[in-house]
Protein backbone atom coordinates (compact mmCIF):
# COMPACT_ATOMS: atom_id res chain seq x y z
CA UNK A 1 0.00 0.00 0.00
CA UNK A 2 1.00 3.61 -0.52
CA UNK A 3 -0.50 6.87 0.71
CA UNK A 4 -0.86 10.01 -1.35
CA UNK A 5 -0.65 13.21 0.69
CA UNK A 6 -2.09 16.30 -0.96
CA UNK A 7 -1.51 19.71 0.63
CA UNK A 8 -3.40 22.75 -0.64
CA UNK A 9 -2.76 26.35 0.39
CA UNK A 10 -6.14 28.07 0.38
CA UNK A 11 -6.88 31.78 -0.03
CA UNK A 12 -7.25 33.50 3.36
CA UNK A 13 -10.87 33.35 4.51
CA UNK A 14 -11.95 30.75 1.93
CA UNK A 15 -11.24 27.55 3.87
CA UNK A 16 -14.71 27.31 5.50
CA UNK A 17 -16.40 27.77 2.11
CA UNK A 18 -14.12 25.20 0.48
CA UNK A 19 -14.80 22.64 3.22
CA UNK A 20 -18.56 23.21 2.92
CA UNK A 21 -18.44 22.74 -0.86
CA UNK A 22 -16.36 19.60 -0.49
CA UNK A 23 -18.76 18.11 2.03
CA UNK A 24 -21.81 19.02 -0.08
CA UNK A 25 -20.51 18.27 -3.60
CA UNK A 26 -17.08 16.67 -3.71
CA UNK A 27 -16.70 14.17 -0.90
CA UNK A 28 -19.23 11.57 -1.98
CA UNK A 29 -17.92 11.20 -5.52
CA UNK A 30 -14.27 11.31 -4.43
CA UNK A 31 -14.77 8.64 -1.76
CA UNK A 32 -16.72 6.42 -4.17
CA UNK A 33 -13.98 6.56 -6.78
CA UNK A 34 -10.75 6.87 -4.81
CA UNK A 35 -11.82 4.50 -2.07
CA UNK A 36 -9.70 4.64 1.06
CA UNK A 37 -9.62 8.12 2.63
CA UNK A 38 -6.86 7.98 5.25
CA UNK A 39 -7.67 11.45 6.57
CA UNK A 40 -8.78 15.00 5.82
CA UNK A 41 -7.28 17.85 7.85
CA UNK A 42 -6.86 21.60 8.26
CA UNK A 43 -4.04 23.33 10.09
CA UNK A 44 -4.39 25.22 13.38
CA UNK A 45 -0.75 25.77 14.38
CA UNK A 46 2.12 26.44 11.99
CA UNK A 47 1.40 27.46 8.40
CA UNK A 48 -2.30 28.33 8.26
CA UNK A 49 -4.92 28.01 5.54
CA UNK A 50 -3.72 24.54 4.62
CA UNK A 51 -6.00 21.70 3.62
CA UNK A 52 -4.35 18.28 3.81
CA UNK A 53 -5.87 15.02 2.71
CA UNK A 54 -4.49 11.52 2.34
CA UNK A 55 -5.67 8.58 0.25
CA UNK A 56 -4.53 4.98 0.35
CA UNK A 57 -3.89 2.95 -2.80
CA UNK A 58 -2.68 -0.58 -3.52
CA UNK A 59 0.07 0.78 -5.79
CA UNK A 60 0.78 3.51 -8.34
CA UNK A 61 -1.26 1.73 -11.02
CA UNK A 62 -4.30 1.64 -8.70
CA UNK A 63 -3.83 5.35 -8.02
CA UNK A 64 -3.55 6.16 -11.74
CA UNK A 65 -6.70 4.18 -12.62
CA UNK A 66 -8.76 5.76 -9.85
CA UNK A 67 -7.59 9.33 -10.51
CA UNK A 68 -8.23 8.92 -14.26
CA UNK A 69 -11.76 7.77 -13.46
CA UNK A 70 -12.23 10.69 -11.03
CA UNK A 71 -11.31 13.26 -13.66
CA UNK A 72 -13.83 11.78 -16.11
CA UNK A 73 -16.66 12.27 -13.59
CA UNK A 74 -18.86 15.27 -14.46
CA UNK A 75 -19.86 15.89 -10.83
CA UNK A 76 -16.21 15.99 -9.78
CA UNK A 77 -15.28 18.34 -12.61
CA UNK A 78 -18.11 20.71 -11.67
CA UNK A 79 -16.92 20.71 -8.05
CA UNK A 80 -13.29 21.35 -9.08
CA UNK A 81 -14.36 24.31 -11.22
CA UNK A 82 -15.97 25.89 -8.14
CA UNK A 83 -13.03 25.44 -5.77
CA UNK A 84 -10.06 25.93 -8.09
CA UNK A 85 -10.12 29.76 -7.57
CA UNK A 86 -9.63 29.19 -3.80
CA UNK A 87 -6.37 27.24 -4.27
CA UNK A 88 -3.12 29.23 -4.15
CA UNK A 89 -0.67 26.30 -4.19
CA UNK A 90 -0.61 22.50 -4.16
CA UNK A 91 1.91 19.87 -3.08
CA UNK A 92 1.60 16.12 -3.60
CA UNK A 93 3.64 13.36 -2.00
CA UNK A 94 3.60 9.61 -2.33
CA UNK A 95 4.32 8.06 1.07
CA UNK A 96 5.49 4.47 1.43
CA UNK A 97 4.71 2.95 4.86
CA UNK A 98 7.69 1.76 6.90
CA UNK A 99 7.69 -1.99 7.67
CA UNK A 100 6.38 -1.32 11.19
CA UNK A 101 3.70 1.21 10.18
CA UNK A 102 0.13 0.40 11.23
CA UNK A 103 -0.88 1.31 7.66
CA UNK A 104 0.43 -1.39 5.33
């Protein structure tokens, strides 16, 4: 298994609106297609206005298949069009669990 960590820097003051839109329009379709949501977070200490979410995949091929399917989904594309103006920056990481990690 691998975990994809996605970190978005959101425009100041827009995080509550982005979270509400995600819960109302994006979460259901994303969870149905991507599958295993490891977590969804915002920051309170340190760099602020960050939205962090993590998704678990069997391997890179599983990730590629699921993300391709996600970006063919009309509901997802409509949601992305609404929130894209809120996003200032994005970072993605692929995390490989250590042998002793509880996530394997």
